[in-house]
PDB file of N, CA and C in Angstrom:
ATOM      1  N   MET A   1       7.030   3.049  14.107  1.00  0.00           N
ATOM      2  CA  MET A   1       6.314   3.891  13.187  1.00  0.00           C
ATOM      3  C   MET A   1       6.113   3.128  11.876  1.00  0.00           C
ATOM      4  N   LEU A   2       4.926   3.191  11.355  1.00  0.00           N
ATOM      5  CA  LEU A   2       4.622   2.569  10.064  1.00  0.00           C
ATOM      6  C   LEU A   2       4.725   3.620   8.964  1.00  0.00           C
ATOM      7  N   GLU A   3       5.346   3.229   7.860  1.00  0.00           N
ATOM      8  CA  GLU A   3       5.439   4.116   6.703  1.00  0.00           C
ATOM      9  C   GLU A   3       4.772   3.438   5.516  1.00  0.00           C
ATOM     10  N   TRP A   4       3.878   4.151   4.874  1.00  0.00           N
ATOM     11  CA  TRP A   4       3.133   3.646   3.726  1.00  0.00           C
ATOM     12  C   TRP A   4       4.036   3.763   2.499  1.00  0.00           C
ATOM     13  N   MET A   5       4.288   2.664   1.830  1.00  0.00           N
ATOM     14  CA  MET A   5       5.275   2.595   0.757  1.00  0.00           C
ATOM     15  C   MET A   5       4.655   2.413  -0.635  1.00  0.00           C
ATOM     16  N   LEU A   6       3.382   2.709  -0.796  1.00  0.00           N
ATOM     17  CA  LEU A   6       2.700   2.451  -2.064  1.00  0.00           C
ATOM     18  C   LEU A   6       3.407   3.118  -3.234  1.00  0.00           C
ATOM     19  N   ARG A   7       3.731   4.397  -3.112  1.00  0.00           N
ATOM     20  CA  ARG A   7       4.374   5.092  -4.241  1.00  0.00           C
ATOM     21  C   ARG A   7       5.707   4.449  -4.614  1.00  0.00           C
ATOM     22  N   GLN A   8       6.482   4.030  -3.621  1.00  0.00           N
ATOM     23  CA  GLN A   8       7.763   3.401  -3.895  1.00  0.00           C
ATOM     24  C   GLN A   8       7.575   2.057  -4.608  1.00  0.00           C
ATOM     25  N   VAL A   9       6.611   1.271  -4.134  1.00  0.00           N
ATOM     26  CA  VAL A   9       6.334  -0.022  -4.765  1.00  0.00           C
ATOM     27  C   VAL A   9       5.861   0.194  -6.202  1.00  0.00           C
ATOM     28  N   MET A  10       4.984   1.168  -6.396  1.00  0.00           N
ATOM     29  CA  MET A  10       4.524   1.482  -7.753  1.00  0.00           C
ATOM     30  C   MET A  10       5.700   1.861  -8.649  1.00  0.00           C
ATOM     31  N   ALA A  11       6.579   2.735  -8.164  1.00  0.00           N
ATOM     32  CA  ALA A  11       7.716   3.200  -8.964  1.00  0.00           C
ATOM     33  C   ALA A  11       8.633   2.042  -9.341  1.00  0.00           C
ATOM     34  N   GLN A  12       8.843   1.123  -8.420  1.00  0.00           N
ATOM     35  CA  GLN A  12       9.688  -0.047  -8.702  1.00  0.00           C
ATOM     36  C   GLN A  12       9.114  -0.891  -9.825  1.00  0.00           C
ATOM     37  N   ARG A  13       7.816  -0.775 -10.043  1.00  0.00           N
ATOM     38  CA  ARG A  13       7.147  -1.568 -11.073  1.00  0.00           C
ATOM     39  C   ARG A  13       6.771  -0.739 -12.295  1.00  0.00           C
ATOM     40  N   GLY A  14       7.237   0.514 -12.341  1.00  0.00           N
ATOM     41  CA  GLY A  14       6.970   1.364 -13.497  1.00  0.00           C
ATOM     42  C   GLY A  14       5.545   1.885 -13.575  1.00  0.00           C
ATOM     43  N   VAL A  15       4.881   1.952 -12.450  1.00  0.00           N
ATOM     44  CA  VAL A  15       3.510   2.479 -12.390  1.00  0.00           C
ATOM     45  C   VAL A  15       3.623   3.883 -11.822  1.00  0.00           C
ATOM     46  N   TRP A  16       3.334   4.894 -12.644  1.00  0.00           N
ATOM     47  CA  TRP A  16       3.659   6.272 -12.279  1.00  0.00           C
ATOM     48  C   TRP A  16       2.467   7.147 -11.957  1.00  0.00           C
ATOM     49  N   SER A  17       1.249   6.654 -12.119  1.00  0.00           N
ATOM     50  CA  SER A  17       0.093   7.519 -11.869  1.00  0.00           C
ATOM     51  C   SER A  17      -1.055   6.736 -11.242  1.00  0.00           C
ATOM     52  N   GLY A  18      -1.980   7.482 -10.667  1.00  0.00           N
ATOM     53  CA  GLY A  18      -3.175   6.871 -10.112  1.00  0.00           C
ATOM     54  C   GLY A  18      -4.006   6.194 -11.188  1.00  0.00           C
ATOM     55  N   ALA A  19      -4.059   6.796 -12.371  1.00  0.00           N
ATOM     56  CA  ALA A  19      -4.815   6.201 -13.476  1.00  0.00           C
ATOM     57  C   ALA A  19      -4.203   4.864 -13.884  1.00  0.00           C
ATOM     58  N   ALA A  20      -2.871   4.798 -13.908  1.00  0.00           N
ATOM     59  CA  ALA A  20      -2.198   3.544 -14.256  1.00  0.00           C
ATOM     60  C   ALA A  20      -2.461   2.490 -13.182  1.00  0.00           C
ATOM     61  N   LEU A  21      -2.462   2.907 -11.911  1.00  0.00           N
ATOM     62  CA  LEU A  21      -2.775   1.968 -10.830  1.00  0.00           C
ATOM     63  C   LEU A  21      -4.205   1.465 -10.961  1.00  0.00           C
ATOM     64  N   ALA A  22      -5.131   2.356 -11.272  1.00  0.00           N
ATOM     65  CA  ALA A  22      -6.535   1.955 -11.438  1.00  0.00           C
ATOM     66  C   ALA A  22      -6.675   0.926 -12.554  1.00  0.00           C
ATOM     67  N   ARG A  23      -5.989   1.147 -13.679  1.00  0.00           N
ATOM     68  CA  ARG A  23      -6.036   0.181 -14.785  1.00  0.00           C
ATOM     69  C   ARG A  23      -5.463  -1.166 -14.365  1.00  0.00           C
ATOM     70  N   LEU A  24      -4.349  -1.133 -13.654  1.00  0.00           N
ATOM     71  CA  LEU A  24      -3.711  -2.366 -13.193  1.00  0.00           C
ATOM     72  C   LEU A  24      -4.616  -3.127 -12.223  1.00  0.00           C
ATOM     73  N   LEU A  25      -5.237  -2.407 -11.303  1.00  0.00           N
ATOM     74  CA  LEU A  25      -6.177  -3.042 -10.368  1.00  0.00           C
ATOM     75  C   LEU A  25      -7.306  -3.725 -11.127  1.00  0.00           C
ATOM     76  N   GLN A  26      -7.831  -3.044 -12.141  1.00  0.00           N
ATOM     77  CA  GLN A  26      -8.939  -3.596 -12.920  1.00  0.00           C
ATOM     78  C   GLN A  26      -8.483  -4.818 -13.726  1.00  0.00           C
ATOM     79  N   GLU A  27      -7.326  -4.698 -14.377  1.00  0.00           N
ATOM     80  CA  GLU A  27      -6.847  -5.772 -15.247  1.00  0.00           C
ATOM     81  C   GLU A  27      -6.418  -7.017 -14.478  1.00  0.00           C
ATOM     82  N   LYS A  28      -5.645  -6.843 -13.422  1.00  0.00           N
ATOM     83  CA  LYS A  28      -5.064  -7.992 -12.718  1.00  0.00           C
ATOM     84  C   LYS A  28      -5.921  -8.509 -11.575  1.00  0.00           C
ATOM     85  N   SER A  29      -6.753  -7.633 -10.985  1.00  0.00           N
ATOM     86  CA  SER A  29      -7.511  -8.026  -9.797  1.00  0.00           C
ATOM     87  C   SER A  29      -9.012  -7.972  -9.991  1.00  0.00           C
ATOM     88  N   ASP A  30      -9.441  -7.438 -11.130  1.00  0.00           N
ATOM     89  CA  ASP A  30     -10.874  -7.203 -11.360  1.00  0.00           C
ATOM     90  C   ASP A  30     -11.467  -6.412 -10.188  1.00  0.00           C
ATOM     91  N   TYR A  31     -10.739  -5.382  -9.777  1.00  0.00           N
ATOM     92  CA  TYR A  31     -11.114  -4.578  -8.609  1.00  0.00           C
ATOM     93  C   TYR A  31     -11.120  -3.117  -9.013  1.00  0.00           C
ATOM     94  N   ARG A  32     -12.136  -2.411  -8.583  1.00  0.00           N
ATOM     95  CA  ARG A  32     -12.253  -0.993  -8.922  1.00  0.00           C
ATOM     96  C   ARG A  32     -12.203  -0.135  -7.673  1.00  0.00           C
ATOM     97  N   LEU A  33     -11.392   0.912  -7.744  1.00  0.00           N
ATOM     98  CA  LEU A  33     -11.357   1.937  -6.708  1.00  0.00           C
ATOM     99  C   LEU A  33     -11.687   3.256  -7.372  1.00  0.00           C
ATOM    100  N   SER A  34     -12.425   4.089  -6.679  1.00  0.00           N
ATOM    101  CA  SER A  34     -12.761   5.401  -7.224  1.00  0.00           C
ATOM    102  C   SER A  34     -11.510   6.266  -7.303  1.00  0.00           C
ATOM    103  N   ALA A  35     -11.552   7.281  -8.140  1.00  0.00           N
ATOM    104  CA  ALA A  35     -10.422   8.212  -8.260  1.00  0.00           C
ATOM    105  C   ALA A  35     -10.090   8.860  -6.915  1.00  0.00           C
ATOM    106  N   PRO A  36     -11.098   9.304  -6.124  1.00  0.00           N
ATOM    107  CA  PRO A  36     -10.762   9.868  -4.811  1.00  0.00           C
ATOM    108  C   PRO A  36     -10.113   8.854  -3.870  1.00  0.00           C
ATOM    109  N   SER A  37     -10.513   7.597  -3.937  1.00  0.00           N
ATOM    110  CA  SER A  37      -9.911   6.567  -3.089  1.00  0.00           C
ATOM    111  C   SER A  37      -8.457   6.321  -3.480  1.00  0.00           C
ATOM    112  N   ILE A  38      -8.184   6.264  -4.763  1.00  0.00           N
ATOM    113  CA  ILE A  38      -6.809   6.089  -5.226  1.00  0.00           C
ATOM    114  C   ILE A  38      -5.973   7.299  -4.835  1.00  0.00           C
ATOM    115  N   SER A  39      -6.525   8.476  -5.010  1.00  0.00           N
ATOM    116  CA  SER A  39      -5.814   9.698  -4.627  1.00  0.00           C
ATOM    117  C   SER A  39      -5.457   9.680  -3.144  1.00  0.00           C
ATOM    118  N   ALA A  40      -6.388   9.251  -2.316  1.00  0.00           N
ATOM    119  CA  ALA A  40      -6.138   9.177  -0.868  1.00  0.00           C
ATOM    120  C   ALA A  40      -5.015   8.191  -0.556  1.00  0.00           C
ATOM    121  N   LEU A  41      -4.973   7.068  -1.251  1.00  0.00           N
ATOM    122  CA  LEU A  41      -3.909   6.088  -1.033  1.00  0.00           C
ATOM    123  C   LEU A  41      -2.549   6.619  -1.470  1.00  0.00           C
ATOM    124  N   LEU A  42      -2.546   7.489  -2.470  1.00  0.00           N
ATOM    125  CA  LEU A  42      -1.294   8.024  -2.996  1.00  0.00           C
ATOM    126  C   LEU A  42      -0.777   9.228  -2.223  1.00  0.00           C
ATOM    127  N   THR A  43      -1.652   9.889  -1.486  1.00  0.00           N
ATOM    128  CA  THR A  43      -1.234  11.126  -0.816  1.00  0.00           C
ATOM    129  C   THR A  43      -0.987  10.975   0.675  1.00  0.00           C
ATOM    130  N   GLY A  44      -1.341   9.854   1.246  1.00  0.00           N
ATOM    131  CA  GLY A  44      -1.107   9.679   2.674  1.00  0.00           C
ATOM    132  C   GLY A  44      -1.283   8.240   3.107  1.00  0.00           C
ATOM    133  N   SER A  45      -0.883   7.975   4.325  1.00  0.00           N
ATOM    134  CA  SER A  45      -1.044   6.630   4.885  1.00  0.00           C
ATOM    135  C   SER A  45      -2.497   6.383   5.232  1.00  0.00           C
ATOM    136  N   PRO A  46      -3.046   5.254   4.812  1.00  0.00           N
ATOM    137  CA  PRO A  46      -4.425   4.951   5.160  1.00  0.00           C
ATOM    138  C   PRO A  46      -4.567   4.676   6.656  1.00  0.00           C
ATOM    139  N   LYS A  47      -5.647   5.155   7.229  1.00  0.00           N
ATOM    140  CA  LYS A  47      -5.937   4.903   8.645  1.00  0.00           C
ATOM    141  C   LYS A  47      -6.528   3.501   8.816  1.00  0.00           C
ATOM    142  N   GLN A  48      -7.221   3.057   7.788  1.00  0.00           N
ATOM    143  CA  GLN A  48      -7.789   1.712   7.769  1.00  0.00           C
ATOM    144  C   GLN A  48      -7.906   1.281   6.316  1.00  0.00           C
ATOM    145  N   MET A  49      -7.977  -0.029   6.108  1.00  0.00           N
ATOM    146  CA  MET A  49      -8.083  -0.530   4.750  1.00  0.00           C
ATOM    147  C   MET A  49      -8.803  -1.867   4.767  1.00  0.00           C
ATOM    148  N   LYS A  50      -9.697  -2.036   3.822  1.00  0.00           N
ATOM    149  CA  LYS A  50     -10.374  -3.320   3.682  1.00  0.00           C
ATOM    150  C   LYS A  50      -9.352  -4.367   3.255  1.00  0.00           C
ATOM    151  N   ALA A  51      -9.511  -5.568   3.761  1.00  0.00           N
ATOM    152  CA  ALA A  51      -8.636  -6.671   3.357  1.00  0.00           C
ATOM    153  C   ALA A  51      -8.734  -6.894   1.849  1.00  0.00           C
ATOM    154  N   GLU A  52      -9.909  -6.702   1.295  1.00  0.00           N
ATOM    155  CA  GLU A  52     -10.133  -6.874  -0.139  1.00  0.00           C
ATOM    156  C   GLU A  52      -9.294  -5.877  -0.949  1.00  0.00           C
ATOM    157  N   THR A  53      -9.189  -4.648  -0.458  1.00  0.00           N
ATOM    158  CA  THR A  53      -8.374  -3.637  -1.134  1.00  0.00           C
ATOM    159  C   THR A  53      -6.903  -3.994  -1.050  1.00  0.00           C
ATOM    160  N   MET A  54      -6.449  -4.416   0.128  1.00  0.00           N
ATOM    161  CA  MET A  54      -5.040  -4.818   0.284  1.00  0.00           C
ATOM    162  C   MET A  54      -4.727  -5.986  -0.626  1.00  0.00           C
ATOM    163  N   ASP A  55      -5.619  -6.964  -0.691  1.00  0.00           N
ATOM    164  CA  ASP A  55      -5.426  -8.118  -1.561  1.00  0.00           C
ATOM    165  C   ASP A  55      -5.319  -7.681  -3.017  1.00  0.00           C
ATOM    166  N   ALA A  56      -6.183  -6.766  -3.449  1.00  0.00           N
ATOM    167  CA  ALA A  56      -6.159  -6.289  -4.834  1.00  0.00           C
ATOM    168  C   ALA A  56      -4.864  -5.539  -5.137  1.00  0.00           C
ATOM    169  N   LEU A  57      -4.411  -4.697  -4.207  1.00  0.00           N
ATOM    170  CA  LEU A  57      -3.151  -3.979  -4.409  1.00  0.00           C
ATOM    171  C   LEU A  57      -1.987  -4.968  -4.529  1.00  0.00           C
ATOM    172  N   CYS A  58      -1.949  -5.949  -3.642  1.00  0.00           N
ATOM    173  CA  CYS A  58      -0.867  -6.939  -3.674  1.00  0.00           C
ATOM    174  C   CYS A  58      -0.899  -7.760  -4.959  1.00  0.00           C
ATOM    175  N   THR A  59      -2.081  -8.118  -5.406  1.00  0.00           N
ATOM    176  CA  THR A  59      -2.210  -8.876  -6.651  1.00  0.00           C
ATOM    177  C   THR A  59      -1.772  -8.029  -7.839  1.00  0.00           C
ATOM    178  N   ALA A  60      -2.273  -6.799  -7.909  1.00  0.00           N
ATOM    179  CA  ALA A  60      -1.978  -5.918  -9.042  1.00  0.00           C
ATOM    180  C   ALA A  60      -0.499  -5.552  -9.106  1.00  0.00           C
ATOM    181  N   LEU A  61       0.118  -5.339  -7.955  1.00  0.00           N
ATOM    182  CA  LEU A  61       1.513  -4.898  -7.918  1.00  0.00           C
ATOM    183  C   LEU A  61       2.492  -6.044  -7.673  1.00  0.00           C
ATOM    184  N   ASP A  62       1.984  -7.267  -7.577  1.00  0.00           N
ATOM    185  CA  ASP A  62       2.804  -8.446  -7.331  1.00  0.00           C
ATOM    186  C   ASP A  62       3.731  -8.220  -6.138  1.00  0.00           C
ATOM    187  N   CYS A  63       3.092  -7.938  -4.997  1.00  0.00           N
ATOM    188  CA  CYS A  63       3.850  -7.667  -3.777  1.00  0.00           C
ATOM    189  C   CYS A  63       3.115  -8.267  -2.580  1.00  0.00           C
ATOM    190  N   THR A  64       3.647  -8.057  -1.393  1.00  0.00           N
ATOM    191  CA  THR A  64       3.005  -8.516  -0.169  1.00  0.00           C
ATOM    192  C   THR A  64       2.627  -7.296   0.672  1.00  0.00           C
ATOM    193  N   PRO A  65       1.759  -7.461   1.668  1.00  0.00           N
ATOM    194  CA  PRO A  65       1.464  -6.340   2.559  1.00  0.00           C
ATOM    195  C   PRO A  65       2.727  -5.784   3.217  1.00  0.00           C
ATOM    196  N   GLY A  66       3.704  -6.651   3.481  1.00  0.00           N
ATOM    197  CA  GLY A  66       4.963  -6.197   4.065  1.00  0.00           C
ATOM    198  C   GLY A  66       5.767  -5.304   3.141  1.00  0.00           C
ATOM    199  N   ASP A  67       5.531  -5.402   1.830  1.00  0.00           N
ATOM    200  CA  ASP A  67       6.186  -4.497   0.885  1.00  0.00           C
ATOM    201  C   ASP A  67       5.540  -3.118   0.908  1.00  0.00           C
ATOM    202  N   LEU A  68       4.255  -3.087   1.224  1.00  0.00           N
ATOM    203  CA  LEU A  68       3.517  -1.820   1.209  1.00  0.00           C
ATOM    204  C   LEU A  68       3.675  -1.020   2.499  1.00  0.00           C
ATOM    205  N   TRP A  69       4.125  -1.673   3.553  1.00  0.00           N
ATOM    206  CA  TRP A  69       4.338  -1.001   4.843  1.00  0.00           C
ATOM    207  C   TRP A  69       5.765  -1.243   5.307  1.00  0.00           C
ATOM    208  N   ALA A  70       6.425  -0.215   5.794  1.00  0.00           N
ATOM    209  CA  ALA A  70       7.747  -0.357   6.411  1.00  0.00           C
ATOM    210  C   ALA A  70       7.610   0.041   7.872  1.00  0.00           C
ATOM    211  N   TYR A  71       8.140  -0.789   8.767  1.00  0.00           N
ATOM    212  CA  TYR A  71       8.052  -0.523  10.203  1.00  0.00           C
ATOM    213  C   TYR A  71       9.420  -0.136  10.748  1.00  0.00           C
ATOM    214  N   THR A  72       9.447   0.983  11.465  1.00  0.00           N
ATOM    215  CA  THR A  72      10.642   1.426  12.171  1.00  0.00           C
ATOM    216  C   THR A  72      10.262   1.595  13.631  1.00  0.00           C
ATOM    217  N   PRO A  73      10.924   0.858  14.530  1.00  0.00           N
ATOM    218  CA  PRO A  73      10.593   1.024  15.952  1.00  0.00           C
ATOM    219  C   PRO A  73      10.936   2.433  16.421  1.00  0.00           C
ATOM    220  N   PRO A  74      10.180   2.958  17.374  1.00  0.00           N
ATOM    221  CA  PRO A  74      10.497   4.274  17.915  1.00  0.00           C
ATOM    222  C   PRO A  74      11.912   4.287  18.508  1.00  0.00           C
ATOM    223  N   ALA A  75      12.560   5.436  18.429  1.00  0.00           N
ATOM    224  CA  ALA A  75      13.921   5.566  18.964  1.00  0.00           C
ATOM    225  C   ALA A  75      13.938   5.200  20.442  1.00  0.00           C
ATOM    226  N   GLY A  76      14.941   4.450  20.856  1.00  0.00           N
ATOM    227  CA  GLY A  76      15.084   4.067  22.259  1.00  0.00           C
ATOM    228  C   GLY A  76      14.278   2.860  22.666  1.00  0.00           C
ATOM    229  N   ARG A  77      13.474   2.336  21.802  1.00  0.00           N
ATOM    230  CA  ARG A  77      12.656   1.169  22.139  1.00  0.00           C
ATOM    231  C   ARG A  77      13.423  -0.100  21.785  1.00  0.00           C
ATOM    232  N   ARG A  78      13.597  -0.972  22.741  1.00  0.00           N
ATOM    233  CA  ARG A  78      14.380  -2.184  22.518  1.00  0.00           C
ATOM    234  C   ARG A  78      13.515  -3.428  22.403  1.00  0.00           C
ATOM    235  N   GLY A  79      12.251  -3.289  22.465  1.00  0.00           N
ATOM    236  CA  GLY A  79      11.376  -4.461  22.402  1.00  0.00           C
ATOM    237  C   GLY A  79      10.387  -4.421  23.553  1.00  0.00           C
ATOM    238  N   LEU A  80       9.586  -5.422  23.631  1.00  0.00           N
ATOM    239  CA  LEU A  80       8.561  -5.488  24.660  1.00  0.00           C
ATOM    240  C   LEU A  80       9.159  -5.906  25.990  1.00  0.00           C
ATOM    241  N   LYS A  81       8.654  -5.321  27.042  1.00  0.00           N
ATOM    242  CA  LYS A  81       9.090  -5.722  28.389  1.00  0.00           C
ATOM    243  C   LYS A  81       8.508  -7.088  28.704  1.00  0.00           C
ATOM    244  N   GLN A  82       9.299  -7.899  29.337  1.00  0.00           N
ATOM    245  CA  GLN A  82       8.841  -9.219  29.743  1.00  0.00           C
ATOM    246  C   GLN A  82       8.408  -9.176  31.185  1.00  0.00           C
ATOM    247  N   ALA A  83       7.335  -9.848  31.502  1.00  0.00           N
ATOM    248  CA  ALA A  83       6.824  -9.876  32.890  1.00  0.00           C
ATOM    249  C   ALA A  83       7.530 -10.935  33.691  1.00  0.00           C
TER     250      ALA A  83
END
């Protein structure tokens, strides 16, 4: 299971609102997201994301894509079956 960790990453960096994230994206990445797009990122896991958006988030928040997503294997799953 993938868990979207944007709010946690933001909190670790003292970024507490969508408006603050928008300013940071603009200042550090020269990237603009609409208020509804930022709201969607803050309220749920994205179903898809442009690489450009991920790059801007990582640049603005000084993190990696692995910081923004946490993976937990499903219960009882030990790995891939080998043929």
